[in-house]
N, C-alpha and C. Protein backbone atom coordinates (compact mmCIF):
# COMPACT_ATOMS: atom_id res chain seq x y z
N MET A 1 0.86 -1.30 -0.04
CA MET A 1 0.04 0.04 0.01
C MET A 1 0.84 1.25 -0.04
N LEU A 2 2.04 1.17 0.62
CA LEU A 2 2.80 2.41 0.80
C LEU A 2 4.08 2.32 -0.01
N PHE A 3 4.64 3.50 -0.23
CA PHE A 3 5.95 3.46 -0.94
C PHE A 3 6.86 4.43 -0.31
N GLY A 4 8.18 4.35 -0.62
CA GLY A 4 9.07 5.35 -0.03
C GLY A 4 9.54 4.92 1.35
N SER A 5 10.33 5.56 2.01
CA SER A 5 10.89 5.31 3.29
C SER A 5 10.08 5.93 4.40
N ARG A 6 9.67 5.03 5.37
CA ARG A 6 9.03 5.60 6.58
C ARG A 6 10.11 6.36 7.36
N ARG A 7 9.75 7.41 7.84
CA ARG A 7 10.59 8.26 8.72
C ARG A 7 9.94 8.72 9.95
N THR A 8 10.58 9.15 10.92
CA THR A 8 9.91 9.71 12.03
C THR A 8 10.15 11.21 12.05
N GLU A 9 9.09 11.93 12.26
CA GLU A 9 9.17 13.36 12.46
C GLU A 9 8.77 13.83 13.73
N VAL A 10 9.37 14.89 14.39
CA VAL A 10 8.88 15.35 15.63
C VAL A 10 8.20 16.72 15.40
N LYS A 11 6.94 16.66 15.78
CA LYS A 11 6.10 17.85 15.76
C LYS A 11 5.87 18.34 17.15
N ARG A 12 5.20 19.45 17.36
CA ARG A 12 5.03 20.04 18.69
C ARG A 12 4.23 19.05 19.66
N ASP A 13 3.36 18.27 19.08
CA ASP A 13 2.67 17.27 19.92
C ASP A 13 3.29 15.86 20.08
N GLY A 14 4.48 15.79 19.60
CA GLY A 14 5.17 14.44 19.76
C GLY A 14 5.78 14.01 18.52
N ALA A 15 6.21 12.69 18.62
CA ALA A 15 6.88 12.03 17.44
C ALA A 15 5.97 11.27 16.59
N TRP A 16 6.05 11.26 15.39
CA TRP A 16 5.20 10.72 14.32
C TRP A 16 5.88 9.91 13.33
N ASN A 17 5.38 8.70 13.01
CA ASN A 17 5.82 7.94 11.83
C ASN A 17 5.17 8.48 10.63
N VAL A 18 5.84 8.75 9.53
CA VAL A 18 5.38 9.33 8.30
C VAL A 18 5.71 8.36 7.08
N GLN A 19 4.84 8.14 6.29
CA GLN A 19 4.95 7.29 5.17
C GLN A 19 4.35 7.75 4.02
N PRO A 20 5.05 8.05 2.97
CA PRO A 20 4.32 8.54 1.67
C PRO A 20 3.53 7.39 0.99
N VAL A 21 2.51 7.75 0.33
CA VAL A 21 1.73 6.74 -0.47
C VAL A 21 1.84 7.31 -1.99
N SER A 22 2.00 6.37 -2.87
CA SER A 22 2.14 6.81 -4.25
C SER A 22 0.74 7.08 -4.89
N PRO A 23 0.66 7.73 -6.09
CA PRO A 23 -0.72 7.74 -6.61
C PRO A 23 -1.26 6.43 -7.07
N THR A 24 -0.36 5.48 -7.51
CA THR A 24 -0.76 4.18 -7.91
C THR A 24 -1.31 3.33 -6.75
N ASN A 25 -0.82 3.60 -5.55
CA ASN A 25 -1.21 2.83 -4.33
C ASN A 25 -2.34 3.53 -3.69
N ALA A 26 -2.76 4.80 -4.03
CA ALA A 26 -3.71 5.47 -3.36
C ALA A 26 -5.10 5.00 -3.99
N VAL A 27 -5.70 3.96 -3.50
CA VAL A 27 -6.86 3.27 -4.10
C VAL A 27 -8.15 3.64 -3.46
N LYS A 28 -8.16 4.49 -2.43
CA LYS A 28 -9.38 4.89 -1.76
C LYS A 28 -9.40 6.49 -1.58
N ASN A 29 -10.62 7.05 -1.30
CA ASN A 29 -10.63 8.46 -0.94
C ASN A 29 -10.49 8.51 0.58
N TYR A 30 -9.82 9.52 0.98
CA TYR A 30 -9.67 9.74 2.45
C TYR A 30 -10.06 11.28 2.72
N THR A 31 -10.32 11.55 3.99
CA THR A 31 -10.53 13.03 4.29
C THR A 31 -9.23 13.38 5.14
N CYS A 32 -8.70 14.45 4.61
CA CYS A 32 -7.45 14.97 5.31
C CYS A 32 -7.83 15.66 6.62
N PRO A 33 -7.20 15.34 7.69
CA PRO A 33 -7.50 15.94 8.99
C PRO A 33 -7.04 17.40 9.14
N GLY A 34 -6.08 17.69 8.12
CA GLY A 34 -5.61 19.15 8.18
C GLY A 34 -6.50 20.13 7.57
N CYS A 35 -7.17 19.80 6.56
CA CYS A 35 -8.15 20.73 5.81
C CYS A 35 -9.55 20.27 5.63
N SER A 36 -9.77 19.08 6.07
CA SER A 36 -11.12 18.43 6.01
C SER A 36 -11.53 18.21 4.57
N GLN A 37 -10.71 18.33 3.60
CA GLN A 37 -11.00 18.08 2.23
C GLN A 37 -10.69 16.72 1.81
N THR A 38 -11.30 16.12 0.81
CA THR A 38 -11.02 14.87 0.30
C THR A 38 -9.68 14.64 -0.41
N ILE A 39 -9.04 13.62 -0.03
CA ILE A 39 -7.82 13.12 -0.78
C ILE A 39 -8.30 12.14 -1.78
N SER A 40 -8.43 12.53 -3.05
CA SER A 40 -9.03 11.57 -3.97
C SER A 40 -8.16 10.46 -4.26
N GLN A 41 -8.86 9.38 -4.74
CA GLN A 41 -8.20 8.09 -5.27
C GLN A 41 -7.19 8.53 -6.33
N GLY A 42 -6.00 7.97 -6.28
CA GLY A 42 -5.03 8.22 -7.31
C GLY A 42 -4.19 9.57 -6.81
N THR A 43 -4.32 10.09 -5.82
CA THR A 43 -3.54 11.30 -5.33
C THR A 43 -2.45 10.84 -4.40
N ALA A 44 -1.21 11.29 -4.76
CA ALA A 44 -0.16 10.95 -3.66
C ALA A 44 -0.40 11.79 -2.48
N HIS A 45 -0.18 11.15 -1.38
CA HIS A 45 -0.34 11.67 -0.04
C HIS A 45 0.46 11.10 1.05
N THR A 46 0.28 11.37 2.27
CA THR A 46 1.14 10.98 3.40
C THR A 46 0.30 10.34 4.51
N VAL A 47 0.76 9.18 5.02
CA VAL A 47 0.00 8.53 6.08
C VAL A 47 0.97 8.69 7.32
N THR A 48 0.33 9.09 8.40
CA THR A 48 0.99 9.36 9.70
C THR A 48 0.37 8.52 10.83
N TRP A 49 1.21 8.22 11.83
CA TRP A 49 0.60 7.59 13.07
C TRP A 49 1.63 7.85 14.13
N ARG A 50 1.19 7.85 15.36
CA ARG A 50 2.10 8.22 16.54
C ARG A 50 3.33 7.26 16.68
N ALA A 51 4.45 7.80 16.86
CA ALA A 51 5.62 7.09 17.10
C ALA A 51 5.89 6.96 18.62
N ASP A 52 5.23 7.67 19.40
CA ASP A 52 5.45 7.70 20.86
C ASP A 52 4.14 7.53 21.67
N GLY A 53 3.15 6.91 21.11
CA GLY A 53 1.93 6.73 21.82
C GLY A 53 2.05 5.81 22.96
N ILE A 54 1.17 6.06 23.90
CA ILE A 54 1.34 5.27 25.24
C ILE A 54 0.43 3.96 25.14
N MET A 55 -0.44 3.86 24.10
CA MET A 55 -1.37 2.70 24.14
C MET A 55 -0.75 1.51 23.24
N GLY A 56 0.45 1.76 22.71
CA GLY A 56 1.15 0.58 22.06
C GLY A 56 1.00 0.74 20.56
N GLU A 57 1.97 0.15 19.74
CA GLU A 57 2.10 0.38 18.44
C GLU A 57 0.88 -0.10 17.62
N ALA A 58 0.18 -1.20 18.01
CA ALA A 58 -0.93 -1.64 17.32
C ALA A 58 -2.11 -0.58 17.36
N ASP A 59 -2.36 0.11 18.47
CA ASP A 59 -3.36 1.12 18.61
C ASP A 59 -2.89 2.37 17.78
N ASP A 60 -1.65 2.78 17.84
CA ASP A 60 -1.12 3.90 17.08
C ASP A 60 -1.35 3.59 15.57
N LEU A 61 -1.05 2.44 15.04
CA LEU A 61 -1.21 2.13 13.73
C LEU A 61 -2.67 2.13 13.31
N ALA A 62 -3.49 1.62 14.11
CA ALA A 62 -4.97 1.62 13.85
C ALA A 62 -5.54 3.01 13.81
N ALA A 63 -4.83 3.93 14.52
CA ALA A 63 -5.38 5.38 14.50
C ALA A 63 -4.62 6.23 13.41
N ARG A 64 -3.97 5.61 12.47
CA ARG A 64 -3.29 6.36 11.52
C ARG A 64 -4.15 7.21 10.61
N ARG A 65 -3.73 8.30 10.06
CA ARG A 65 -4.45 9.24 9.25
C ARG A 65 -3.77 9.53 7.99
N HIS A 66 -4.51 9.87 6.97
CA HIS A 66 -3.99 10.18 5.67
C HIS A 66 -4.16 11.64 5.47
N TRP A 67 -3.11 12.28 5.14
CA TRP A 67 -2.92 13.77 4.93
C TRP A 67 -2.52 14.15 3.56
N HIS A 68 -3.05 15.20 3.06
CA HIS A 68 -2.36 15.89 1.79
C HIS A 68 -0.94 16.21 2.27
N GLN A 69 -0.04 16.11 1.34
CA GLN A 69 1.34 16.25 1.53
C GLN A 69 1.59 17.74 2.16
N HIS A 70 0.95 18.66 1.50
CA HIS A 70 1.15 20.05 1.91
C HIS A 70 0.53 20.23 3.29
N CYS A 71 -0.61 19.77 3.60
CA CYS A 71 -1.23 19.85 5.02
C CYS A 71 -0.30 19.34 6.10
N TRP A 72 0.33 18.17 5.82
CA TRP A 72 1.24 17.66 6.79
C TRP A 72 2.43 18.55 6.96
N LYS A 73 3.00 19.07 5.88
CA LYS A 73 4.18 19.86 5.97
C LYS A 73 3.95 21.09 6.77
N ILE A 74 2.71 21.67 6.74
CA ILE A 74 2.58 22.97 7.39
C ILE A 74 1.99 22.74 8.87
N ARG A 75 1.69 21.55 9.16
CA ARG A 75 1.09 21.19 10.52
C ARG A 75 2.27 21.40 11.57
N LEU A 76 1.81 22.02 12.63
CA LEU A 76 2.76 22.47 13.71
C LEU A 76 3.23 21.26 14.56
């Protein structure tokens, strides 16, 4: 489903795993939590989940979110 290297980024609210998704692998529509707009099928975007969550990795991964690349970049 994903492509590229997963990396960890630190934002104001903690550490996040960040994974890019290619247009070819973007097979569903998602709602971006940054702008509340649709990320259409076939649009490259970014998937993020907590890297420092207290509930464990499985819960963090289950709570992952899909962001427009720009929205994630400007997120504080």
